[in-house]
Amino acid sequence: MKRATNFLSGILLGALVGASLVLIFTPASGRELQGRLRDRYDSLRLEINQAAAARRSELEEQLASLRTASKSDNA
């Protein structure tokens, strides 16, 4: 779990640094930049939610198989 937390923290930190650098070095207008950042944020959030849902599904399957194995061991 700590490994996943470190990974997600790294992604978040990288995104923040990247967004800051874009704000500093971009030749785009403020509104255009805000739109691009909002789009990127939304797509990143969607990817994270999809990855979390997939991982949750995997863990639920593992838990179900462990419960089944535990019940068969107790019987």
PDB file of N, CA and C in Angstrom:
ATOM      1  N   MET A   1       0.820  -1.187   0.000  1.00  0.00           N
ATOM      2  CA  MET A   1       0.000   0.000   0.000  1.00  0.00           C
ATOM      3  C   MET A   1       0.866   1.254   0.000  1.00  0.00           C
ATOM      4  N   LYS A   2       1.961   1.198   0.747  1.00  0.00           N
ATOM      5  CA  LYS A   2       2.849   2.358   0.810  1.00  0.00           C
ATOM      6  C   LYS A   2       3.451   2.645  -0.563  1.00  0.00           C
ATOM      7  N   ARG A   3       3.722   1.596  -1.304  1.00  0.00           N
ATOM      8  CA  ARG A   3       4.305   1.760  -2.638  1.00  0.00           C
ATOM      9  C   ARG A   3       3.329   2.491  -3.562  1.00  0.00           C
ATOM     10  N   ALA A   4       2.060   2.118  -3.489  1.00  0.00           N
ATOM     11  CA  ALA A   4       1.042   2.780  -4.309  1.00  0.00           C
ATOM     12  C   ALA A   4       0.871   4.235  -3.887  1.00  0.00           C
ATOM     13  N   THR A   5       0.900   4.488  -2.585  1.00  0.00           N
ATOM     14  CA  THR A   5       0.774   5.853  -2.084  1.00  0.00           C
ATOM     15  C   THR A   5       1.944   6.704  -2.557  1.00  0.00           C
ATOM     16  N   ASN A   6       3.143   6.154  -2.493  1.00  0.00           N
ATOM     17  CA  ASN A   6       4.315   6.890  -2.974  1.00  0.00           C
ATOM     18  C   ASN A   6       4.200   7.166  -4.466  1.00  0.00           C
ATOM     19  N   PHE A   7       3.712   6.191  -5.215  1.00  0.00           N
ATOM     20  CA  PHE A   7       3.557   6.357  -6.654  1.00  0.00           C
ATOM     21  C   PHE A   7       2.557   7.469  -6.953  1.00  0.00           C
ATOM     22  N   LEU A   8       1.403   7.441  -6.299  1.00  0.00           N
ATOM     23  CA  LEU A   8       0.388   8.470  -6.526  1.00  0.00           C
ATOM     24  C   LEU A   8       0.873   9.848  -6.064  1.00  0.00           C
ATOM     25  N   SER A   9       1.633   9.885  -4.994  1.00  0.00           N
ATOM     26  CA  SER A   9       2.213  11.158  -4.537  1.00  0.00           C
ATOM     27  C   SER A   9       3.180  11.699  -5.581  1.00  0.00           C
ATOM     28  N   GLY A  10       3.958  10.815  -6.161  1.00  0.00           N
ATOM     29  CA  GLY A  10       4.890  11.230  -7.216  1.00  0.00           C
ATOM     30  C   GLY A  10       4.173  11.768  -8.435  1.00  0.00           C
ATOM     31  N   ILE A  11       3.078  11.113  -8.807  1.00  0.00           N
ATOM     32  CA  ILE A  11       2.287  11.591  -9.943  1.00  0.00           C
ATOM     33  C   ILE A  11       1.731  12.976  -9.653  1.00  0.00           C
ATOM     34  N   LEU A  12       1.179  13.140  -8.468  1.00  0.00           N
ATOM     35  CA  LEU A  12       0.605  14.431  -8.094  1.00  0.00           C
ATOM     36  C   LEU A  12       1.663  15.526  -8.072  1.00  0.00           C
ATOM     37  N   LEU A  13       2.799  15.241  -7.485  1.00  0.00           N
ATOM     38  CA  LEU A  13       3.882  16.224  -7.428  1.00  0.00           C
ATOM     39  C   LEU A  13       4.370  16.560  -8.834  1.00  0.00           C
ATOM     40  N   GLY A  14       4.522  15.559  -9.670  1.00  0.00           N
ATOM     41  CA  GLY A  14       4.942  15.793 -11.049  1.00  0.00           C
ATOM     42  C   GLY A  14       3.945  16.636 -11.816  1.00  0.00           C
ATOM     43  N   ALA A  15       2.669  16.376 -11.593  1.00  0.00           N
ATOM     44  CA  ALA A  15       1.633  17.163 -12.260  1.00  0.00           C
ATOM     45  C   ALA A  15       1.679  18.624 -11.810  1.00  0.00           C
ATOM     46  N   LEU A  16       1.880  18.831 -10.523  1.00  0.00           N
ATOM     47  CA  LEU A  16       1.956  20.203 -10.012  1.00  0.00           C
ATOM     48  C   LEU A  16       3.165  20.951 -10.559  1.00  0.00           C
ATOM     49  N   VAL A  17       4.303  20.274 -10.595  1.00  0.00           N
ATOM     50  CA  VAL A  17       5.516  20.902 -11.135  1.00  0.00           C
ATOM     51  C   VAL A  17       5.324  21.189 -12.617  1.00  0.00           C
ATOM     52  N   GLY A  18       4.771  20.228 -13.346  1.00  0.00           N
ATOM     53  CA  GLY A  18       4.527  20.423 -14.772  1.00  0.00           C
ATOM     54  C   GLY A  18       3.578  21.575 -15.035  1.00  0.00           C
ATOM     55  N   ALA A  19       2.508  21.649 -14.268  1.00  0.00           N
ATOM     56  CA  ALA A  19       1.546  22.741 -14.448  1.00  0.00           C
ATOM     57  C   ALA A  19       2.196  24.090 -14.146  1.00  0.00           C
ATOM     58  N   SER A  20       3.026  24.127 -13.134  1.00  0.00           N
ATOM     59  CA  SER A  20       3.724  25.378 -12.799  1.00  0.00           C
ATOM     60  C   SER A  20       4.651  25.810 -13.931  1.00  0.00           C
ATOM     61  N   LEU A  21       5.381  24.858 -14.493  1.00  0.00           N
ATOM     62  CA  LEU A  21       6.287  25.187 -15.593  1.00  0.00           C
ATOM     63  C   LEU A  21       5.521  25.655 -16.827  1.00  0.00           C
ATOM     64  N   VAL A  22       4.377  25.045 -17.068  1.00  0.00           N
ATOM     65  CA  VAL A  22       3.548  25.480 -18.200  1.00  0.00           C
ATOM     66  C   VAL A  22       3.106  26.918 -17.988  1.00  0.00           C
ATOM     67  N   LEU A  23       2.677  27.239 -16.794  1.00  0.00           N
ATOM     68  CA  LEU A  23       2.234  28.609 -16.512  1.00  0.00           C
ATOM     69  C   LEU A  23       3.359  29.611 -16.719  1.00  0.00           C
ATOM     70  N   ILE A  24       4.564  29.227 -16.380  1.00  0.00           N
ATOM     71  CA  ILE A  24       5.703  30.142 -16.495  1.00  0.00           C
ATOM     72  C   ILE A  24       6.149  30.321 -17.940  1.00  0.00           C
ATOM     73  N   PHE A  25       6.193  29.236 -18.704  1.00  0.00           N
ATOM     74  CA  PHE A  25       6.831  29.286 -20.019  1.00  0.00           C
ATOM     75  C   PHE A  25       5.880  29.277 -21.216  1.00  0.00           C
ATOM     76  N   THR A  26       4.598  29.284 -21.022  1.00  0.00           N
ATOM     77  CA  THR A  26       3.682  29.190 -22.147  1.00  0.00           C
ATOM     78  C   THR A  26       3.460  30.533 -22.831  1.00  0.00           C
ATOM     79  N   PRO A  27       3.337  30.512 -24.154  1.00  0.00           N
ATOM     80  CA  PRO A  27       3.027  31.745 -24.865  1.00  0.00           C
ATOM     81  C   PRO A  27       1.518  31.933 -25.053  1.00  0.00           C
ATOM     82  N   ALA A  28       0.696  31.015 -24.551  1.00  0.00           N
ATOM     83  CA  ALA A  28      -0.752  31.079 -24.740  1.00  0.00           C
ATOM     84  C   ALA A  28      -1.377  32.114 -23.809  1.00  0.00           C
ATOM     85  N   SER A  29      -2.586  32.523 -24.174  1.00  0.00           N
ATOM     86  CA  SER A  29      -3.308  33.478 -23.330  1.00  0.00           C
ATOM     87  C   SER A  29      -3.784  32.781 -22.061  1.00  0.00           C
ATOM     88  N   GLY A  30      -4.155  33.554 -21.093  1.00  0.00           N
ATOM     89  CA  GLY A  30      -4.593  33.013 -19.811  1.00  0.00           C
ATOM     90  C   GLY A  30      -5.820  32.124 -19.919  1.00  0.00           C
ATOM     91  N   ARG A  31      -6.825  32.575 -20.654  1.00  0.00           N
ATOM     92  CA  ARG A  31      -8.055  31.788 -20.793  1.00  0.00           C
ATOM     93  C   ARG A  31      -7.797  30.501 -21.565  1.00  0.00           C
ATOM     94  N   GLU A  32      -7.003  30.590 -22.595  1.00  0.00           N
ATOM     95  CA  GLU A  32      -6.673  29.399 -23.384  1.00  0.00           C
ATOM     96  C   GLU A  32      -5.909  28.395 -22.529  1.00  0.00           C
ATOM     97  N   LEU A  33      -4.980  28.893 -21.760  1.00  0.00           N
ATOM     98  CA  LEU A  33      -4.198  28.034 -20.879  1.00  0.00           C
ATOM     99  C   LEU A  33      -5.083  27.392 -19.814  1.00  0.00           C
ATOM    100  N   GLN A  34      -5.990  28.166 -19.244  1.00  0.00           N
ATOM    101  CA  GLN A  34      -6.902  27.616 -18.243  1.00  0.00           C
ATOM    102  C   GLN A  34      -7.735  26.486 -18.841  1.00  0.00           C
ATOM    103  N   GLY A  35      -8.187  26.666 -20.058  1.00  0.00           N
ATOM    104  CA  GLY A  35      -8.970  25.622 -20.723  1.00  0.00           C
ATOM    105  C   GLY A  35      -8.164  24.358 -20.930  1.00  0.00           C
ATOM    106  N   ARG A  36      -6.925  24.528 -21.376  1.00  0.00           N
ATOM    107  CA  ARG A  36      -6.054  23.359 -21.578  1.00  0.00           C
ATOM    108  C   ARG A  36      -5.778  22.643 -20.261  1.00  0.00           C
ATOM    109  N   LEU A  37      -5.477  23.414 -19.222  1.00  0.00           N
ATOM    110  CA  LEU A  37      -5.199  22.813 -17.919  1.00  0.00           C
ATOM    111  C   LEU A  37      -6.435  22.092 -17.371  1.00  0.00           C
ATOM    112  N   ARG A  38      -7.597  22.705 -17.548  1.00  0.00           N
ATOM    113  CA  ARG A  38      -8.830  22.079 -17.071  1.00  0.00           C
ATOM    114  C   ARG A  38      -9.081  20.761 -17.812  1.00  0.00           C
ATOM    115  N   ASP A  39      -8.861  20.761 -19.128  1.00  0.00           N
ATOM    116  CA  ASP A  39      -9.036  19.539 -19.907  1.00  0.00           C
ATOM    117  C   ASP A  39      -8.058  18.456 -19.453  1.00  0.00           C
ATOM    118  N   ARG A  40      -6.815  18.840 -19.246  1.00  0.00           N
ATOM    119  CA  ARG A  40      -5.807  17.870 -18.812  1.00  0.00           C
ATOM    120  C   ARG A  40      -6.128  17.336 -17.421  1.00  0.00           C
ATOM    121  N   TYR A  41      -6.566  18.214 -16.542  1.00  0.00           N
ATOM    122  CA  TYR A  41      -6.940  17.802 -15.190  1.00  0.00           C
ATOM    123  C   TYR A  41      -8.103  16.804 -15.238  1.00  0.00           C
ATOM    124  N   ASP A  42      -9.106  17.115 -16.059  1.00  0.00           N
ATOM    125  CA  ASP A  42     -10.260  16.220 -16.167  1.00  0.00           C
ATOM    126  C   ASP A  42      -9.863  14.857 -16.716  1.00  0.00           C
ATOM    127  N   SER A  43      -9.004  14.825 -17.724  1.00  0.00           N
ATOM    128  CA  SER A  43      -8.580  13.539 -18.288  1.00  0.00           C
ATOM    129  C   SER A  43      -7.717  12.764 -17.285  1.00  0.00           C
ATOM    130  N   LEU A  44      -6.879  13.457 -16.559  1.00  0.00           N
ATOM    131  CA  LEU A  44      -6.049  12.802 -15.546  1.00  0.00           C
ATOM    132  C   LEU A  44      -6.917  12.239 -14.429  1.00  0.00           C
ATOM    133  N   ARG A  45      -7.900  12.997 -14.000  1.00  0.00           N
ATOM    134  CA  ARG A  45      -8.812  12.539 -12.959  1.00  0.00           C
ATOM    135  C   ARG A  45      -9.597  11.308 -13.419  1.00  0.00           C
ATOM    136  N   LEU A  46     -10.023  11.305 -14.680  1.00  0.00           N
ATOM    137  CA  LEU A  46     -10.739  10.162 -15.234  1.00  0.00           C
ATOM    138  C   LEU A  46      -9.843   8.925 -15.258  1.00  0.00           C
ATOM    139  N   GLU A  47      -8.591   9.089 -15.688  1.00  0.00           N
ATOM    140  CA  GLU A  47      -7.649   7.969 -15.713  1.00  0.00           C
ATOM    141  C   GLU A  47      -7.411   7.414 -14.310  1.00  0.00           C
ATOM    142  N   ILE A  48      -7.264   8.286 -13.336  1.00  0.00           N
ATOM    143  CA  ILE A  48      -7.039   7.851 -11.960  1.00  0.00           C
ATOM    144  C   ILE A  48      -8.257   7.099 -11.437  1.00  0.00           C
ATOM    145  N   ASN A  49      -9.453   7.616 -11.705  1.00  0.00           N
ATOM    146  CA  ASN A  49     -10.669   6.933 -11.256  1.00  0.00           C
ATOM    147  C   ASN A  49     -10.813   5.567 -11.907  1.00  0.00           C
ATOM    148  N   GLN A  50     -10.466   5.463 -13.183  1.00  0.00           N
ATOM    149  CA  GLN A  50     -10.546   4.176 -13.873  1.00  0.00           C
ATOM    150  C   GLN A  50      -9.539   3.191 -13.297  1.00  0.00           C
ATOM    151  N   ALA A  51      -8.328   3.657 -13.030  1.00  0.00           N
ATOM    152  CA  ALA A  51      -7.305   2.782 -12.445  1.00  0.00           C
ATOM    153  C   ALA A  51      -7.716   2.332 -11.047  1.00  0.00           C
ATOM    154  N   ALA A  52      -8.300   3.231 -10.280  1.00  0.00           N
ATOM    155  CA  ALA A  52      -8.749   2.882  -8.930  1.00  0.00           C
ATOM    156  C   ALA A  52      -9.884   1.862  -8.988  1.00  0.00           C
ATOM    157  N   ALA A  53     -10.801   2.032  -9.922  1.00  0.00           N
ATOM    158  CA  ALA A  53     -11.914   1.085 -10.052  1.00  0.00           C
ATOM    159  C   ALA A  53     -11.404  -0.292 -10.476  1.00  0.00           C
ATOM    160  N   ALA A  54     -10.446  -0.320 -11.385  1.00  0.00           N
ATOM    161  CA  ALA A  54      -9.885  -1.596 -11.821  1.00  0.00           C
ATOM    162  C   ALA A  54      -9.172  -2.289 -10.667  1.00  0.00           C
ATOM    163  N   ARG A  55      -8.401  -1.544  -9.911  1.00  0.00           N
ATOM    164  CA  ARG A  55      -7.688  -2.124  -8.770  1.00  0.00           C
ATOM    165  C   ARG A  55      -8.667  -2.610  -7.706  1.00  0.00           C
ATOM    166  N   ARG A  56      -9.707  -1.837  -7.467  1.00  0.00           N
ATOM    167  CA  ARG A  56     -10.714  -2.248  -6.492  1.00  0.00           C
ATOM    168  C   ARG A  56     -11.361  -3.559  -6.910  1.00  0.00           C
ATOM    169  N   SER A  57     -11.667  -3.674  -8.196  1.00  0.00           N
ATOM    170  CA  SER A  57     -12.263  -4.903  -8.714  1.00  0.00           C
ATOM    171  C   SER A  57     -11.328  -6.091  -8.509  1.00  0.00           C
ATOM    172  N   GLU A  58     -10.051  -5.892  -8.795  1.00  0.00           N
ATOM    173  CA  GLU A  58      -9.065  -6.962  -8.590  1.00  0.00           C
ATOM    174  C   GLU A  58      -9.013  -7.385  -7.122  1.00  0.00           C
ATOM    175  N   LEU A  59      -8.987  -6.413  -6.231  1.00  0.00           N
ATOM    176  CA  LEU A  59      -8.913  -6.713  -4.801  1.00  0.00           C
ATOM    177  C   LEU A  59     -10.177  -7.401  -4.302  1.00  0.00           C
ATOM    178  N   GLU A  60     -11.329  -6.994  -4.822  1.00  0.00           N
ATOM    179  CA  GLU A  60     -12.578  -7.647  -4.428  1.00  0.00           C
ATOM    180  C   GLU A  60     -12.596  -9.104  -4.885  1.00  0.00           C
ATOM    181  N   GLU A  61     -12.078  -9.364  -6.092  1.00  0.00           N
ATOM    182  CA  GLU A  61     -11.995 -10.739  -6.583  1.00  0.00           C
ATOM    183  C   GLU A  61     -11.057 -11.570  -5.707  1.00  0.00           C
ATOM    184  N   GLN A  62      -9.930 -10.986  -5.338  1.00  0.00           N
ATOM    185  CA  GLN A  62      -8.991 -11.702  -4.474  1.00  0.00           C
ATOM    186  C   GLN A  62      -9.616 -11.991  -3.111  1.00  0.00           C
ATOM    187  N   LEU A  63     -10.332 -11.031  -2.576  1.00  0.00           N
ATOM    188  CA  LEU A  63     -10.991 -11.220  -1.283  1.00  0.00           C
ATOM    189  C   LEU A  63     -12.043 -12.323  -1.378  1.00  0.00           C
ATOM    190  N   ALA A  64     -12.812 -12.330  -2.438  1.00  0.00           N
ATOM    191  CA  ALA A  64     -13.835 -13.361  -2.614  1.00  0.00           C
ATOM    192  C   ALA A  64     -13.197 -14.743  -2.706  1.00  0.00           C
ATOM    193  N   SER A  65     -12.087 -14.844  -3.428  1.00  0.00           N
ATOM    194  CA  SER A  65     -11.425 -16.149  -3.547  1.00  0.00           C
ATOM    195  C   SER A  65     -10.821 -16.582  -2.204  1.00  0.00           C
ATOM    196  N   LEU A  66     -10.309 -15.633  -1.435  1.00  0.00           N
ATOM    197  CA  LEU A  66      -9.780 -15.969  -0.105  1.00  0.00           C
ATOM    198  C   LEU A  66     -10.896 -16.415   0.836  1.00  0.00           C
ATOM    199  N   ARG A  67     -12.026 -15.756   0.751  1.00  0.00           N
ATOM    200  CA  ARG A  67     -13.163 -16.154   1.593  1.00  0.00           C
ATOM    201  C   ARG A  67     -13.641 -17.553   1.223  1.00  0.00           C
ATOM    202  N   THR A  68     -13.700 -17.840  -0.073  1.00  0.00           N
ATOM    203  CA  THR A  68     -14.110 -19.153  -0.530  1.00  0.00           C
ATOM    204  C   THR A  68     -13.134 -20.217  -0.068  1.00  0.00           C
ATOM    205  N   ALA A  69     -11.842 -19.923  -0.171  1.00  0.00           N
ATOM    206  CA  ALA A  69     -10.832 -20.869   0.269  1.00  0.00           C
ATOM    207  C   ALA A  69     -10.901 -21.078   1.782  1.00  0.00           C
ATOM    208  N   SER A  70     -11.165 -20.023   2.518  1.00  0.00           N
ATOM    209  CA  SER A  70     -11.258 -20.112   3.974  1.00  0.00           C
ATOM    210  C   SER A  70     -12.465 -20.963   4.382  1.00  0.00           C
ATOM    211  N   LYS A  71     -13.583 -20.791   3.696  1.00  0.00           N
ATOM    212  CA  LYS A  71     -14.772 -21.585   4.011  1.00  0.00           C
ATOM    213  C   LYS A  71     -14.558 -23.053   3.702  1.00  0.00           C
ATOM    214  N   SER A  72     -13.857 -23.356   2.601  1.00  0.00           N
ATOM    215  CA  SER A  72     -13.618 -24.752   2.256  1.00  0.00           C
ATOM    216  C   SER A  72     -12.603 -25.397   3.212  1.00  0.00           C
ATOM    217  N   ASP A  73     -11.683 -24.599   3.751  1.00  0.00           N
ATOM    218  CA  ASP A  73     -10.723 -25.121   4.730  1.00  0.00           C
ATOM    219  C   ASP A  73     -11.410 -25.424   6.059  1.00  0.00           C
ATOM    220  N   ASN A  74     -12.387 -24.608   6.428  1.00  0.00           N
ATOM    221  CA  ASN A  74     -13.098 -24.784   7.692  1.00  0.00           C
ATOM    222  C   ASN A  74     -14.113 -25.924   7.638  1.00  0.00           C
ATOM    223  N   ALA A  75     -14.554 -26.273   6.464  1.00  0.00           N
ATOM    224  CA  ALA A  75     -15.576 -27.321   6.335  1.00  0.00           C
ATOM    225  C   ALA A  75     -15.005 -28.718   6.470  1.00  0.00           C
TER     226      ALA A  75
END
